[in-house]
Amino acid sequence: MSASETVNLAGSPPRPGFASELLARLRGLLPQSLNNTPLLARSAESAGELVVAHHGAVEIRRTITGWALETCVKGEPEQARETALRRLAGYAAGKNSGHGRLGTVRPLVQTAEAAGRWRVRIGVAGTDIDGALTSARNGRVRVRITEAATIAVIRASGRPGPLAIRQAETAIRDAIAGTRWEVAGSAMLRLHTLPNLLPLLGGFEVAVPVIERPVGSAEPSWSRGAAVKEAATASSLPVR
């Protein structure tokens, strides 16, 4: 193609429908999870976490017992999260046996149950617990209790990819090494908003359960047992 042909093409007016076609293509590039933004946008911020210590960028927090909507999904982390968001959003919007809308509480929490299997949950507002229990059913979304726990939390910027989460977990372990806190479980991803398309604008939290080492004790924490136990067993949720 000659230079003159290139100039002519560049200077020609766009064909009818070009703008709408471009927007449609851009929408196709957006993560499917953006369709579930209302779930987190309508969720209240949790008021049940008490910061009890700081170690650099890491906060040690104590959470309270509550109730959550939870689902278990197979697949890659982001794909599983998108599937879980659709299920949880639908359930909270009234697609449950009680046909009632349920208030939810951030953060959205994603934990690895096994290789390629993920548990994703979001808290139920205290005012809607009775409704949640009434609407409970044996399906893909369950209503379960979340026991009080002590967790070490770090905030990170960007998108929550596997490498970023591993780096955040390592930062937590390094920060609490030599303190009175010991890691007592696997890392979890915590989202207060959905990942942003622009990495500099996004952010997430990574947390690990911790226990307080008894004063003067050199006994490994694992010999004393984990401090945080799930109220529901892995078999209580169907995996799809």
Protein backbone atom coordinates (compact mmCIF):
# COMPACT_ATOMS: atom_id res chain seq x y z
CA MET A 1 0.00 0.00 0.00
CA SER A 2 1.35 3.44 -0.97
CA ALA A 3 1.74 6.38 1.37
CA SER A 4 -1.07 8.24 -0.40
CA GLU A 5 -3.39 5.28 0.05
CA THR A 6 -2.58 5.20 3.75
CA VAL A 7 -3.38 8.89 4.14
CA ASN A 8 -6.65 8.50 2.28
CA LEU A 9 -7.73 5.61 4.52
CA ALA A 10 -6.78 7.41 7.71
CA GLY A 11 -8.62 10.53 6.66
CA SER A 12 -11.83 8.76 5.59
CA PRO A 13 -14.85 9.11 7.92
CA PRO A 14 -15.67 6.08 10.04
CA ARG A 15 -18.31 3.79 8.64
CA PRO A 16 -21.77 3.83 10.23
CA GLY A 17 -21.92 1.81 13.44
CA PHE A 18 -18.15 1.95 13.95
CA ALA A 19 -18.42 3.48 17.44
CA SER A 20 -20.94 0.94 18.70
CA GLU A 21 -18.87 -1.90 17.24
CA LEU A 22 -15.77 -0.60 19.01
CA LEU A 23 -17.62 -0.35 22.33
CA ALA A 24 -18.90 -3.88 21.92
CA ARG A 25 -15.36 -5.13 21.37
CA LEU A 26 -14.11 -3.26 24.41
CA ARG A 27 -16.91 -4.73 26.54
CA GLY A 28 -15.80 -8.16 25.41
CA LEU A 29 -12.33 -7.47 26.80
CA LEU A 30 -13.61 -6.59 30.27
CA PRO A 31 -13.43 -9.32 32.91
CA GLN A 32 -16.74 -11.06 33.41
CA SER A 33 -16.47 -10.34 37.13
CA LEU A 34 -17.31 -6.69 36.44
CA ASN A 35 -20.87 -7.84 35.83
CA ASN A 36 -21.01 -8.73 39.52
CA THR A 37 -19.86 -5.32 40.79
CA PRO A 38 -23.22 -4.65 42.51
CA LEU A 39 -22.60 -7.51 44.96
CA LEU A 40 -19.60 -5.75 46.48
CA ALA A 41 -20.87 -2.23 45.81
CA ARG A 42 -24.06 -2.91 47.77
CA SER A 43 -22.25 -4.77 50.54
CA ALA A 44 -21.55 -3.02 53.83
CA GLU A 45 -18.01 -2.69 55.13
CA SER A 46 -17.28 -5.08 57.98
CA ALA A 47 -17.18 -3.48 61.42
CA GLY A 48 -16.26 -6.71 63.17
CA GLU A 49 -12.47 -6.56 62.92
CA LEU A 50 -10.29 -5.22 65.70
CA VAL A 51 -6.65 -4.34 65.01
CA VAL A 52 -4.59 -5.56 67.98
CA ALA A 53 -1.03 -5.14 66.68
CA HIS A 54 1.09 -3.80 63.84
CA HIS A 55 4.28 -5.29 62.44
CA GLY A 56 5.44 -3.04 59.63
CA ALA A 57 2.80 -3.14 56.90
CA VAL A 58 1.07 -6.12 58.54
CA GLU A 59 -1.92 -5.75 60.85
CA ILE A 60 -2.95 -8.41 63.34
CA ARG A 61 -6.75 -8.39 63.48
CA ARG A 62 -9.35 -10.25 65.49
CA THR A 63 -12.61 -11.07 63.73
CA ILE A 64 -15.95 -11.96 65.29
CA THR A 65 -18.23 -14.93 64.76
CA GLY A 66 -20.78 -14.41 62.02
CA TRP A 67 -22.61 -15.98 59.09
CA ALA A 68 -21.66 -16.09 55.44
CA LEU A 69 -22.87 -17.20 52.03
CA GLU A 70 -20.34 -19.66 50.65
CA THR A 71 -19.82 -21.63 47.47
CA CYS A 72 -17.12 -24.02 46.28
CA VAL A 73 -15.84 -23.88 42.70
CA LYS A 74 -13.28 -25.67 40.55
CA GLY A 75 -10.98 -23.95 38.06
CA GLU A 76 -8.32 -21.29 37.78
CA PRO A 77 -8.42 -18.70 40.59
CA GLU A 78 -9.89 -15.79 38.62
CA GLN A 79 -12.33 -17.96 36.68
CA ALA A 80 -13.48 -19.62 39.89
CA ARG A 81 -13.94 -16.22 41.54
CA GLU A 82 -16.09 -15.00 38.66
CA THR A 83 -18.28 -18.10 38.87
CA ALA A 84 -18.58 -17.72 42.63
CA LEU A 85 -19.50 -14.05 42.31
CA ARG A 86 -22.35 -14.87 39.93
CA ARG A 87 -23.71 -17.50 42.32
CA LEU A 88 -23.40 -15.36 45.43
CA ALA A 89 -24.82 -12.27 43.72
CA GLY A 90 -27.83 -14.23 42.48
CA TYR A 91 -28.45 -15.81 45.86
CA ALA A 92 -28.25 -12.47 47.68
CA ALA A 93 -30.55 -10.90 45.08
CA GLY A 94 -33.33 -13.37 45.88
CA LYS A 95 -32.51 -16.49 43.88
CA ASN A 96 -32.85 -18.67 46.97
CA SER A 97 -35.53 -20.89 48.43
CA GLY A 98 -36.94 -18.00 50.48
CA HIS A 99 -36.95 -15.62 47.48
CA GLY A 100 -35.76 -12.83 49.77
CA ARG A 101 -32.97 -10.32 49.22
CA LEU A 102 -30.08 -10.57 51.67
CA GLY A 103 -27.70 -7.86 52.81
CA THR A 104 -24.04 -8.80 52.54
CA VAL A 105 -20.87 -7.64 54.26
CA ARG A 106 -17.40 -7.24 52.73
CA PRO A 107 -14.81 -8.56 52.23
CA LEU A 108 -15.25 -11.31 49.67
CA VAL A 109 -12.90 -14.10 50.79
CA GLN A 110 -11.32 -16.72 48.54
CA THR A 111 -9.32 -19.63 49.92
CA ALA A 112 -7.79 -22.69 48.29
CA GLU A 113 -9.40 -25.91 49.44
CA ALA A 114 -7.26 -28.18 47.25
CA ALA A 115 -5.46 -27.96 43.93
CA GLY A 116 -7.89 -26.26 41.55
CA ARG A 117 -10.68 -26.04 44.16
CA TRP A 118 -11.72 -22.79 45.82
CA ARG A 119 -14.05 -21.70 48.60
CA VAL A 120 -15.48 -18.21 48.15
CA ARG A 121 -17.64 -16.50 50.75
CA ILE A 122 -19.14 -13.16 51.69
CA GLY A 123 -20.64 -12.20 55.04
CA VAL A 124 -24.36 -11.89 55.73
CA ALA A 125 -25.60 -8.67 57.33
CA GLY A 126 -26.65 -9.16 60.95
CA THR A 127 -30.16 -7.92 60.22
CA ASP A 128 -30.65 -10.61 57.56
CA ILE A 129 -29.31 -13.67 59.36
CA ASP A 130 -32.78 -15.07 60.09
CA GLY A 131 -33.72 -14.64 56.44
CA ALA A 132 -30.52 -16.28 55.31
CA LEU A 133 -31.09 -19.31 57.53
CA THR A 134 -34.67 -19.58 56.32
CA SER A 135 -33.52 -19.48 52.70
CA ALA A 136 -30.76 -22.07 53.18
CA ARG A 137 -30.92 -25.06 50.89
CA ASN A 138 -28.77 -27.95 49.72
CA GLY A 139 -27.41 -26.30 46.59
CA ARG A 140 -24.34 -24.58 45.25
CA VAL A 141 -24.59 -21.77 47.81
CA ARG A 142 -24.73 -22.58 51.51
CA VAL A 143 -25.21 -20.49 54.62
CA ARG A 144 -22.50 -21.30 57.13
CA ILE A 145 -21.06 -19.95 60.33
CA THR A 146 -17.66 -18.27 60.33
CA GLU A 147 -15.93 -18.57 63.66
CA ALA A 148 -13.94 -15.80 65.33
CA ALA A 149 -10.29 -15.80 64.29
CA THR A 150 -7.03 -13.93 64.56
CA ILE A 151 -5.50 -13.07 61.20
CA ALA A 152 -2.42 -11.26 59.89
CA VAL A 153 -3.39 -8.96 57.03
CA ILE A 154 -1.40 -7.00 54.46
CA ARG A 155 -2.71 -4.65 51.78
CA ALA A 156 -1.30 -4.84 48.27
CA SER A 157 -1.80 -2.82 45.10
CA GLY A 158 -2.50 -4.09 41.62
CA ARG A 159 -4.42 -7.17 40.53
CA PRO A 160 -4.53 -10.28 42.77
CA GLY A 161 -2.70 -12.73 40.56
CA PRO A 162 -1.12 -15.90 41.99
CA LEU A 163 2.38 -14.37 42.09
CA ALA A 164 1.17 -11.20 43.82
CA ILE A 165 -0.67 -13.27 46.43
CA ARG A 166 2.38 -15.45 47.09
CA GLN A 167 4.55 -12.35 47.47
CA ALA A 168 2.06 -10.84 49.92
CA GLU A 169 1.99 -14.07 51.95
CA THR A 170 5.78 -14.11 52.07
CA ALA A 171 5.76 -10.49 53.25
CA ILE A 172 3.40 -11.45 56.09
CA ARG A 173 5.59 -14.36 57.18
CA ASP A 174 8.71 -12.20 57.10
CA ALA A 175 7.02 -9.40 59.05
CA ILE A 176 5.82 -11.61 61.92
CA ALA A 177 8.91 -13.80 62.11
CA GLY A 178 10.39 -13.44 65.56
CA THR A 179 7.21 -11.91 67.01
CA ARG A 180 4.72 -13.58 69.31
CA TRP A 181 2.57 -14.56 66.32
CA GLU A 182 2.78 -17.78 64.31
CA VAL A 183 1.12 -18.70 61.04
CA ALA A 184 -1.60 -21.30 61.63
CA GLY A 185 -3.18 -21.86 58.23
CA SER A 186 -3.27 -21.10 54.52
CA ALA A 187 -3.38 -17.69 52.89
CA MET A 188 -6.68 -16.16 51.80
CA LEU A 189 -7.51 -13.42 49.32
CA ARG A 190 -9.81 -10.65 50.62
CA LEU A 191 -11.53 -8.23 48.24
CA HIS A 192 -13.38 -5.09 49.28
CA THR A 193 -13.76 -4.01 45.64
CA LEU A 194 -13.31 -5.91 42.41
CA PRO A 195 -9.89 -5.84 40.73
CA ASN A 196 -9.45 -2.71 38.61
CA LEU A 197 -8.49 -2.88 34.95
CA LEU A 198 -5.73 -0.35 35.71
CA PRO A 199 -3.27 -2.06 38.10
CA LEU A 200 -2.25 1.20 39.81
CA LEU A 201 -5.86 1.84 40.82
CA GLY A 202 -6.58 -1.63 42.14
CA GLY A 203 -5.89 -3.21 45.49
CA PHE A 204 -6.56 -6.26 47.61
CA GLU A 205 -5.73 -7.85 50.95
CA VAL A 206 -4.03 -11.13 51.75
CA ALA A 207 -4.49 -12.69 55.19
CA VAL A 208 -3.27 -15.77 57.02
CA PRO A 209 -4.66 -17.21 60.27
CA VAL A 210 -2.26 -16.77 63.18
CA ILE A 211 -2.04 -17.86 66.79
CA GLU A 212 -0.28 -16.21 69.69
CA ARG A 213 2.73 -18.16 70.90
CA PRO A 214 2.62 -18.78 74.66
CA VAL A 215 5.24 -16.76 76.53
CA GLY A 216 8.45 -18.78 76.90
CA SER A 217 7.14 -21.66 74.75
CA ALA A 218 9.32 -23.10 72.02
CA GLU A 219 6.80 -25.77 71.13
CA PRO A 220 5.77 -25.68 67.44
CA SER A 221 2.30 -24.32 66.88
CA TRP A 222 1.27 -27.30 64.77
CA SER A 223 1.72 -29.64 67.73
CA ARG A 224 -0.79 -27.55 69.68
CA GLY A 225 -3.34 -27.67 66.86
CA ALA A 226 -4.71 -24.94 64.63
CA ALA A 227 -6.58 -22.15 66.34
CA VAL A 228 -9.06 -21.61 63.55
CA LYS A 229 -11.35 -24.45 62.52
CA GLU A 230 -13.97 -24.42 59.78
CA ALA A 231 -17.51 -24.96 61.05
CA ALA A 232 -18.42 -26.83 57.89
CA THR A 233 -16.38 -29.70 56.47
CA ALA A 234 -15.12 -29.82 52.92
CA SER A 235 -17.77 -32.38 52.06
CA SER A 236 -20.59 -30.05 53.08
CA LEU A 237 -20.37 -28.04 49.88
CA PRO A 238 -20.83 -29.50 46.40
CA VAL A 239 -18.12 -28.56 43.93
CA ARG A 240 -19.13 -27.53 40.44
